Every structure is written in structure tokens, then in C-alpha cells.
Protein backbone atom coordinates (compact mmCIF):
# COMPACT_ATOMS: atom_id res chain seq x y z
CA MET A 1 0.00 0.00 0.00
CA THR A 2 1.21 3.51 -0.85
CA VAL A 3 0.11 6.50 1.22
CA LEU A 4 -0.44 9.58 -0.95
CA CYS A 5 -1.65 12.06 1.66
CA ALA A 6 -3.97 12.41 4.63
CA VAL A 7 -7.66 12.24 3.70
CA ASP A 8 -8.18 15.67 5.28
CA CYS A 9 -5.75 17.23 2.75
CA ILE A 10 -8.37 16.95 0.01
CA GLU A 11 -11.57 18.98 0.29
CA TYR A 12 -14.99 17.60 -0.61
CA GLY A 13 -15.68 17.99 -4.34
CA SER A 14 -12.03 18.51 -5.22
CA SER A 15 -9.04 16.62 -6.58
CA ARG A 16 -5.28 16.43 -6.21
CA GLY A 17 -2.59 15.04 -8.50
CA PHE A 18 0.35 12.83 -7.51
CA GLN A 19 3.42 11.37 -9.16
CA LEU A 20 4.28 7.76 -8.27
CA GLY A 21 7.58 7.01 -9.94
CA ASP A 22 6.80 7.19 -13.67
CA ALA A 23 3.03 7.05 -13.10
CA SER A 24 0.83 10.12 -12.79
CA CYS A 25 -2.43 9.72 -10.87
CA PHE A 26 -5.02 11.82 -9.11
CA VAL A 27 -7.32 11.48 -6.14
CA VAL A 28 -10.90 12.73 -6.14
CA LYS A 29 -12.98 13.29 -3.02
CA SER A 30 -16.65 13.47 -3.95
CA HIS A 31 -19.13 15.81 -2.27
CA GLU A 32 -20.30 12.72 -0.34
CA GLY A 33 -16.76 12.05 0.92
CA ASP A 34 -15.98 9.02 -1.28
CA ILE A 35 -12.31 8.73 -2.30
CA ARG A 36 -11.24 7.46 -5.75
CA VAL A 37 -7.79 7.20 -7.33
CA TYR A 38 -7.37 7.23 -11.12
CA ALA A 39 -4.52 7.22 -13.61
CA ASN A 40 -3.99 10.71 -14.98
CA SER A 41 -4.60 9.73 -18.60
CA CYS A 42 -7.46 10.42 -20.98
CA PRO A 43 -8.62 7.07 -22.43
CA HIS A 44 -9.42 8.78 -25.74
CA LEU A 45 -6.23 10.77 -26.39
CA GLY A 46 -3.66 9.35 -23.95
CA VAL A 47 -2.84 12.82 -22.63
CA GLU A 48 -2.89 13.92 -18.99
CA LEU A 49 -6.31 15.17 -17.93
CA ASP A 50 -5.22 18.41 -16.25
CA TRP A 51 -3.76 21.62 -17.68
CA VAL A 52 -3.53 23.24 -14.27
CA ALA A 53 -2.17 21.36 -11.27
CA ASP A 54 -4.82 19.55 -9.20
CA GLN A 55 -7.73 20.59 -11.47
CA PHE A 56 -9.31 17.38 -12.73
CA LEU A 57 -12.99 18.21 -12.15
CA ASP A 58 -15.61 20.25 -13.96
CA SER A 59 -16.62 23.66 -12.58
CA GLU A 60 -19.24 22.08 -10.28
CA GLY A 61 -16.85 19.45 -8.92
CA SER A 62 -19.24 16.67 -9.89
CA LEU A 63 -17.46 15.09 -12.89
CA ILE A 64 -13.89 14.37 -13.96
CA GLN A 65 -13.07 16.43 -17.06
CA CYS A 66 -10.37 16.12 -19.69
CA ALA A 67 -8.88 19.60 -20.11
CA THR A 68 -7.82 18.82 -23.69
CA HIS A 69 -11.15 17.93 -25.28
CA GLY A 70 -13.76 18.26 -22.53
CA ALA A 71 -14.76 14.59 -22.12
CA LEU A 72 -16.57 14.00 -18.84
CA PHE A 73 -16.27 10.95 -16.58
CA LEU A 74 -18.19 9.81 -13.51
CA ILE A 75 -16.30 10.18 -10.24
CA ASP A 76 -17.68 6.93 -8.79
CA SER A 77 -16.66 4.66 -11.69
CA GLY A 78 -14.47 6.59 -14.13
CA GLN A 79 -16.90 5.75 -16.96
């Protein structure tokens, strides 16, 4: 198990990026408090999802958004 940060370091409805060796990932904490960790890679284009550090969500903080082409993904499943 790898510890990325304390749960309290991420606010509800926000995200935070991390580098694990060569892998880039991000953590999302939903408005309900659920925690999810995803690879920082758009499945369509293979690019990182964020243009600005730690900004992986749409303006409402309810969906993951690719900054390159605007694709939206569900926080709970990544679909």
C-alpha cells in the first residue's frame, strides 16, 4: 500500500494530482466524501487530464473532465 496524503488534505468535491515514480495519478474526493484514485490519462487521447495542477474536475466538482477535449467521466466509476 502507498500513502499519498492524509484524507483531510483533500476537500470535498475537489481533486489532487500525484506522481508515483513514472506514473501520474489523481485522487478525487466526492461531495459525499468518497475517495477514488485514477490514472492521470485520458482514455481517448492518452494525454494527462489536467492543464492546471490539481484541477481534474468540472466547474461544479461533480465530474472528472479532460482539459484537452472536454470529455466528462463519472467520479464513482471513471466511466
